[in-house]
PDB file of N, CA and C in Angstrom:
ATOM      1  N   MET A   1       0.835  -1.188   0.000  1.00  0.00           N
ATOM      2  CA  MET A   1       0.000   0.000   0.000  1.00  0.00           C
ATOM      3  C   MET A   1       0.875   1.246   0.000  1.00  0.00           C
ATOM      4  N   ILE A   2       0.478   2.198  -0.797  1.00  0.00           N
ATOM      5  CA  ILE A   2       1.142   3.493  -0.862  1.00  0.00           C
ATOM      6  C   ILE A   2       0.124   4.531  -0.378  1.00  0.00           C
ATOM      7  N   ASN A   3       0.408   5.158   0.740  1.00  0.00           N
ATOM      8  CA  ASN A   3      -0.509   6.147   1.306  1.00  0.00           C
ATOM      9  C   ASN A   3      -0.203   7.529   0.757  1.00  0.00           C
ATOM     10  N   ILE A   4      -1.276   8.226   0.335  1.00  0.00           N
ATOM     11  CA  ILE A   4      -1.127   9.611  -0.109  1.00  0.00           C
ATOM     12  C   ILE A   4      -2.057  10.488   0.722  1.00  0.00           C
ATOM     13  N   THR A   5      -1.688  11.735   0.877  1.00  0.00           N
ATOM     14  CA  THR A   5      -2.502  12.663   1.652  1.00  0.00           C
ATOM     15  C   THR A   5      -3.165  13.709   0.771  1.00  0.00           C
ATOM     16  N   THR A   6      -2.939  13.605  -0.539  1.00  0.00           N
ATOM     17  CA  THR A   6      -3.533  14.525  -1.495  1.00  0.00           C
ATOM     18  C   THR A   6      -4.612  13.799  -2.276  1.00  0.00           C
ATOM     19  N   GLU A   7      -5.340  14.521  -3.126  1.00  0.00           N
ATOM     20  CA  GLU A   7      -6.408  13.914  -3.919  1.00  0.00           C
ATOM     21  C   GLU A   7      -5.864  12.861  -4.881  1.00  0.00           C
ATOM     22  N   PHE A   8      -4.693  13.134  -5.452  1.00  0.00           N
ATOM     23  CA  PHE A   8      -4.084  12.208  -6.410  1.00  0.00           C
ATOM     24  C   PHE A   8      -2.575  12.373  -6.382  1.00  0.00           C
ATOM     25  N   ILE A   9      -1.887  11.453  -7.051  1.00  0.00           N
ATOM     26  CA  ILE A   9      -0.447  11.534  -7.268  1.00  0.00           C
ATOM     27  C   ILE A   9      -0.216  11.141  -8.722  1.00  0.00           C
ATOM     28  N   THR A  10       0.765  11.748  -9.365  1.00  0.00           N
ATOM     29  CA  THR A  10       1.050  11.366 -10.753  1.00  0.00           C
ATOM     30  C   THR A  10       1.829  10.049 -10.762  1.00  0.00           C
ATOM     31  N   LEU A  11       1.813   9.385 -11.884  1.00  0.00           N
ATOM     32  CA  LEU A  11       2.563   8.144 -12.008  1.00  0.00           C
ATOM     33  C   LEU A  11       4.054   8.401 -11.790  1.00  0.00           C
ATOM     34  N   ALA A  12       4.573   9.506 -12.301  1.00  0.00           N
ATOM     35  CA  ALA A  12       5.985   9.843 -12.073  1.00  0.00           C
ATOM     36  C   ALA A  12       6.245  10.053 -10.582  1.00  0.00           C
ATOM     37  N   GLY A  13       5.335  10.722  -9.895  1.00  0.00           N
ATOM     38  CA  GLY A  13       5.465  10.926  -8.458  1.00  0.00           C
ATOM     39  C   GLY A  13       5.440   9.616  -7.698  1.00  0.00           C
ATOM     40  N   PHE A  14       4.582   8.700  -8.131  1.00  0.00           N
ATOM     41  CA  PHE A  14       4.509   7.373  -7.526  1.00  0.00           C
ATOM     42  C   PHE A  14       5.828   6.630  -7.699  1.00  0.00           C
ATOM     43  N   LEU A  15       6.384   6.686  -8.905  1.00  0.00           N
ATOM     44  CA  LEU A  15       7.650   5.995  -9.174  1.00  0.00           C
ATOM     45  C   LEU A  15       8.779   6.577  -8.330  1.00  0.00           C
ATOM     46  N   LYS A  16       8.772   7.893  -8.107  1.00  0.00           N
ATOM     47  CA  LYS A  16       9.771   8.519  -7.240  1.00  0.00           C
ATOM     48  C   LYS A  16       9.548   8.095  -5.790  1.00  0.00           C
ATOM     49  N   LEU A  17       8.289   8.099  -5.349  1.00  0.00           N
ATOM     50  CA  LEU A  17       7.953   7.746  -3.972  1.00  0.00           C
ATOM     51  C   LEU A  17       8.381   6.325  -3.628  1.00  0.00           C
ATOM     52  N   THR A  18       8.311   5.427  -4.602  1.00  0.00           N
ATOM     53  CA  THR A  18       8.682   4.030  -4.376  1.00  0.00           C
ATOM     54  C   THR A  18      10.150   3.767  -4.710  1.00  0.00           C
ATOM     55  N   ASN A  19      10.904   4.820  -4.982  1.00  0.00           N
ATOM     56  CA  ASN A  19      12.342   4.734  -5.277  1.00  0.00           C
ATOM     57  C   ASN A  19      12.677   3.914  -6.524  1.00  0.00           C
ATOM     58  N   MET A  20      11.750   3.851  -7.469  1.00  0.00           N
ATOM     59  CA  MET A  20      12.030   3.168  -8.730  1.00  0.00           C
ATOM     60  C   MET A  20      12.792   4.075  -9.681  1.00  0.00           C
ATOM     61  N   ILE A  21      12.614   5.389  -9.497  1.00  0.00           N
ATOM     62  CA  ILE A  21      13.367   6.375 -10.264  1.00  0.00           C
ATOM     63  C   ILE A  21      13.883   7.431  -9.290  1.00  0.00           C
ATOM     64  N   GLY A  22      14.902   8.149  -9.707  1.00  0.00           N
ATOM     65  CA  GLY A  22      15.485   9.171  -8.849  1.00  0.00           C
ATOM     66  C   GLY A  22      14.909  10.547  -9.072  1.00  0.00           C
ATOM     67  N   SER A  23      14.396  10.787 -10.287  1.00  0.00           N
ATOM     68  CA  SER A  23      13.815  12.098 -10.594  1.00  0.00           C
ATOM     69  C   SER A  23      12.674  11.918 -11.583  1.00  0.00           C
ATOM     70  N   GLY A  24      11.809  12.915 -11.644  1.00  0.00           N
ATOM     71  CA  GLY A  24      10.678  12.856 -12.565  1.00  0.00           C
ATOM     72  C   GLY A  24      11.097  12.732 -14.015  1.00  0.00           C
ATOM     73  N   GLY A  25      12.265  13.270 -14.349  1.00  0.00           N
ATOM     74  CA  GLY A  25      12.764  13.191 -15.707  1.00  0.00           C
ATOM     75  C   GLY A  25      13.076  11.775 -16.162  1.00  0.00           C
ATOM     76  N   GLU A  26      13.305  10.886 -15.226  1.00  0.00           N
ATOM     77  CA  GLU A  26      13.595   9.494 -15.555  1.00  0.00           C
ATOM     78  C   GLU A  26      12.338   8.692 -15.868  1.00  0.00           C
ATOM     79  N   ALA A  27      11.177   9.235 -15.566  1.00  0.00           N
ATOM     80  CA  ALA A  27       9.918   8.490 -15.703  1.00  0.00           C
ATOM     81  C   ALA A  27       9.644   8.061 -17.140  1.00  0.00           C
ATOM     82  N   LYS A  28       9.869   8.946 -18.086  1.00  0.00           N
ATOM     83  CA  LYS A  28       9.583   8.637 -19.492  1.00  0.00           C
ATOM     84  C   LYS A  28      10.372   7.414 -19.949  1.00  0.00           C
ATOM     85  N   ILE A  29      11.647   7.382 -19.632  1.00  0.00           N
ATOM     86  CA  ILE A  29      12.492   6.247 -20.016  1.00  0.00           C
ATOM     87  C   ILE A  29      12.074   4.992 -19.259  1.00  0.00           C
ATOM     88  N   PHE A  30      11.819   5.130 -17.952  1.00  0.00           N
ATOM     89  CA  PHE A  30      11.411   3.990 -17.140  1.00  0.00           C
ATOM     90  C   PHE A  30      10.148   3.355 -17.710  1.00  0.00           C
ATOM     91  N   LEU A  31       9.167   4.181 -18.069  1.00  0.00           N
ATOM     92  CA  LEU A  31       7.901   3.664 -18.588  1.00  0.00           C
ATOM     93  C   LEU A  31       8.074   2.998 -19.949  1.00  0.00           C
ATOM     94  N   ARG A  32       9.056   3.433 -20.702  1.00  0.00           N
ATOM     95  CA  ARG A  32       9.325   2.829 -22.005  1.00  0.00           C
ATOM     96  C   ARG A  32       9.986   1.456 -21.849  1.00  0.00           C
ATOM     97  N   LEU A  33      10.820   1.306 -20.810  1.00  0.00           N
ATOM     98  CA  LEU A  33      11.620   0.087 -20.636  1.00  0.00           C
ATOM     99  C   LEU A  33      11.008  -0.953 -19.710  1.00  0.00           C
ATOM    100  N   ASN A  34       9.966  -0.588 -18.975  1.00  0.00           N
ATOM    101  CA  ASN A  34       9.388  -1.496 -17.990  1.00  0.00           C
ATOM    102  C   ASN A  34       7.906  -1.689 -18.225  1.00  0.00           C
ATOM    103  N   ASP A  35       7.382  -2.807 -17.737  1.00  0.00           N
ATOM    104  CA  ASP A  35       5.969  -3.132 -17.857  1.00  0.00           C
ATOM    105  C   ASP A  35       5.222  -2.502 -16.693  1.00  0.00           C
ATOM    106  N   VAL A  36       4.447  -1.443 -16.978  1.00  0.00           N
ATOM    107  CA  VAL A  36       3.693  -0.740 -15.945  1.00  0.00           C
ATOM    108  C   VAL A  36       2.215  -0.763 -16.329  1.00  0.00           C
ATOM    109  N   GLU A  37       1.376  -1.196 -15.391  1.00  0.00           N
ATOM    110  CA  GLU A  37      -0.066  -1.219 -15.615  1.00  0.00           C
ATOM    111  C   GLU A  37      -0.763  -0.463 -14.493  1.00  0.00           C
ATOM    112  N   VAL A  38      -1.834   0.242 -14.863  1.00  0.00           N
ATOM    113  CA  VAL A  38      -2.687   0.905 -13.884  1.00  0.00           C
ATOM    114  C   VAL A  38      -4.073   0.299 -14.055  1.00  0.00           C
ATOM    115  N   ASN A  39      -4.558  -0.311 -12.998  1.00  0.00           N
ATOM    116  CA  ASN A  39      -5.870  -0.986 -13.016  1.00  0.00           C
ATOM    117  C   ASN A  39      -5.974  -1.973 -14.180  1.00  0.00           C
ATOM    118  N   GLY A  40      -4.892  -2.704 -14.433  1.00  0.00           N
ATOM    119  CA  GLY A  40      -4.891  -3.754 -15.431  1.00  0.00           C
ATOM    120  C   GLY A  40      -4.616  -3.322 -16.858  1.00  0.00           C
ATOM    121  N   GLU A  41      -4.406  -2.028 -17.091  1.00  0.00           N
ATOM    122  CA  GLU A  41      -4.141  -1.540 -18.443  1.00  0.00           C
ATOM    123  C   GLU A  41      -2.743  -0.949 -18.534  1.00  0.00           C
ATOM    124  N   LYS A  42      -2.023  -1.282 -19.611  1.00  0.00           N
ATOM    125  CA  LYS A  42      -0.659  -0.766 -19.807  1.00  0.00           C
ATOM    126  C   LYS A  42      -0.684   0.755 -19.802  1.00  0.00           C
ATOM    127  N   GLU A  43       0.271   1.346 -19.101  1.00  0.00           N
ATOM    128  CA  GLU A  43       0.319   2.809 -18.995  1.00  0.00           C
ATOM    129  C   GLU A  43       1.707   3.319 -19.355  1.00  0.00           C
ATOM    130  N   THR A  44       1.756   4.371 -20.176  1.00  0.00           N
ATOM    131  CA  THR A  44       3.020   4.979 -20.580  1.00  0.00           C
ATOM    132  C   THR A  44       3.054   6.477 -20.299  1.00  0.00           C
ATOM    133  N   ARG A  45       1.955   7.031 -19.784  1.00  0.00           N
ATOM    134  CA  ARG A  45       1.891   8.472 -19.510  1.00  0.00           C
ATOM    135  C   ARG A  45       2.419   8.758 -18.111  1.00  0.00           C
ATOM    136  N   ARG A  46       3.507   9.510 -18.026  1.00  0.00           N
ATOM    137  CA  ARG A  46       4.107   9.779 -16.716  1.00  0.00           C
ATOM    138  C   ARG A  46       3.246  10.701 -15.865  1.00  0.00           C
ATOM    139  N   ASN A  47       2.380  11.493 -16.486  1.00  0.00           N
ATOM    140  CA  ASN A  47       1.519  12.403 -15.730  1.00  0.00           C
ATOM    141  C   ASN A  47       0.138  11.828 -15.447  1.00  0.00           C
ATOM    142  N   ARG A  48      -0.034  10.536 -15.679  1.00  0.00           N
ATOM    143  CA  ARG A  48      -1.296   9.866 -15.362  1.00  0.00           C
ATOM    144  C   ARG A  48      -1.599  10.072 -13.885  1.00  0.00           C
ATOM    145  N   LYS A  49      -2.802  10.537 -13.570  1.00  0.00           N
ATOM    146  CA  LYS A  49      -3.192  10.766 -12.183  1.00  0.00           C
ATOM    147  C   LYS A  49      -3.637   9.450 -11.549  1.00  0.00           C
ATOM    148  N   LEU A  50      -3.107   9.178 -10.376  1.00  0.00           N
ATOM    149  CA  LEU A  50      -3.459   7.985  -9.617  1.00  0.00           C
ATOM    150  C   LEU A  50      -4.253   8.420  -8.397  1.00  0.00           C
ATOM    151  N   TYR A  51      -5.386   7.750  -8.169  1.00  0.00           N
ATOM    152  CA  TYR A  51      -6.266   8.085  -7.059  1.00  0.00           C
ATOM    153  C   TYR A  51      -6.332   6.925  -6.079  1.00  0.00           C
ATOM    154  N   LYS A  52      -6.843   7.195  -4.898  1.00  0.00           N
ATOM    155  CA  LYS A  52      -6.994   6.146  -3.892  1.00  0.00           C
ATOM    156  C   LYS A  52      -7.805   5.000  -4.477  1.00  0.00           C
ATOM    157  N   GLY A  53      -7.325   3.783  -4.260  1.00  0.00           N
ATOM    158  CA  GLY A  53      -7.977   2.596  -4.793  1.00  0.00           C
ATOM    159  C   GLY A  53      -7.367   2.088  -6.086  1.00  0.00           C
ATOM    160  N   ASP A  54      -6.580   2.908  -6.773  1.00  0.00           N
ATOM    161  CA  ASP A  54      -5.939   2.461  -8.012  1.00  0.00           C
ATOM    162  C   ASP A  54      -4.889   1.403  -7.706  1.00  0.00           C
ATOM    163  N   LYS A  55      -4.808   0.414  -8.599  1.00  0.00           N
ATOM    164  CA  LYS A  55      -3.818  -0.659  -8.459  1.00  0.00           C
ATOM    165  C   LYS A  55      -2.766  -0.488  -9.548  1.00  0.00           C
ATOM    166  N   ILE A  56      -1.515  -0.395  -9.135  1.00  0.00           N
ATOM    167  CA  ILE A  56      -0.400  -0.235 -10.058  1.00  0.00           C
ATOM    168  C   ILE A  56       0.448  -1.492 -10.007  1.00  0.00           C
ATOM    169  N   THR A  57       0.781  -2.032 -11.170  1.00  0.00           N
ATOM    170  CA  THR A  57       1.652  -3.192 -11.267  1.00  0.00           C
ATOM    171  C   THR A  57       2.887  -2.785 -12.051  1.00  0.00           C
ATOM    172  N   VAL A  58       4.051  -2.990 -11.449  1.00  0.00           N
ATOM    173  CA  VAL A  58       5.324  -2.664 -12.094  1.00  0.00           C
ATOM    174  C   VAL A  58       6.151  -3.928 -12.127  1.00  0.00           C
ATOM    175  N   ASN A  59       6.376  -4.433 -13.345  1.00  0.00           N
ATOM    176  CA  ASN A  59       7.157  -5.667 -13.526  1.00  0.00           C
ATOM    177  C   ASN A  59       6.683  -6.782 -12.603  1.00  0.00           C
ATOM    178  N   GLY A  60       5.368  -6.930 -12.475  1.00  0.00           N
ATOM    179  CA  GLY A  60       4.779  -8.012 -11.678  1.00  0.00           C
ATOM    180  C   GLY A  60       4.570  -7.700 -10.214  1.00  0.00           C
ATOM    181  N   GLU A  61       5.104  -6.593  -9.714  1.00  0.00           N
ATOM    182  CA  GLU A  61       4.923  -6.213  -8.305  1.00  0.00           C
ATOM    183  C   GLU A  61       3.720  -5.264  -8.198  1.00  0.00           C
ATOM    184  N   GLU A  62       2.795  -5.575  -7.294  1.00  0.00           N
ATOM    185  CA  GLU A  62       1.563  -4.801  -7.181  1.00  0.00           C
ATOM    186  C   GLU A  62       1.601  -3.802  -6.020  1.00  0.00           C
ATOM    187  N   PHE A  63       1.005  -2.638  -6.271  1.00  0.00           N
ATOM    188  CA  PHE A  63       0.870  -1.574  -5.286  1.00  0.00           C
ATOM    189  C   PHE A  63      -0.561  -1.059  -5.354  1.00  0.00           C
ATOM    190  N   ILE A  64      -1.100  -0.627  -4.226  1.00  0.00           N
ATOM    191  CA  ILE A  64      -2.435  -0.018  -4.191  1.00  0.00           C
ATOM    192  C   ILE A  64      -2.308   1.338  -3.519  1.00  0.00           C
ATOM    193  N   ILE A  65      -2.917   2.349  -4.150  1.00  0.00           N
ATOM    194  CA  ILE A  65      -2.914   3.692  -3.592  1.00  0.00           C
ATOM    195  C   ILE A  65      -4.002   3.754  -2.527  1.00  0.00           C
ATOM    196  N   SER A  66      -3.634   4.246  -1.349  1.00  0.00           N
ATOM    197  CA  SER A  66      -4.640   4.388  -0.279  1.00  0.00           C
ATOM    198  C   SER A  66      -4.504   5.730   0.395  1.00  0.00           C
TER     199      SER A  66
END
């Protein structure tokens, strides 16, 4: 579970929060090279808004926004 205190977090922000990338600028490359799904659908947009209840899968590892 990834807890947020705001209405949403961007996918790039999520990747930074989970230490998968070091900066937001790395998100575009990361999304191109890795299998990332949001609620079961492949996602490549780094500014995709993630809300509470969304399920993110990165290379088979699952996370839920809460």
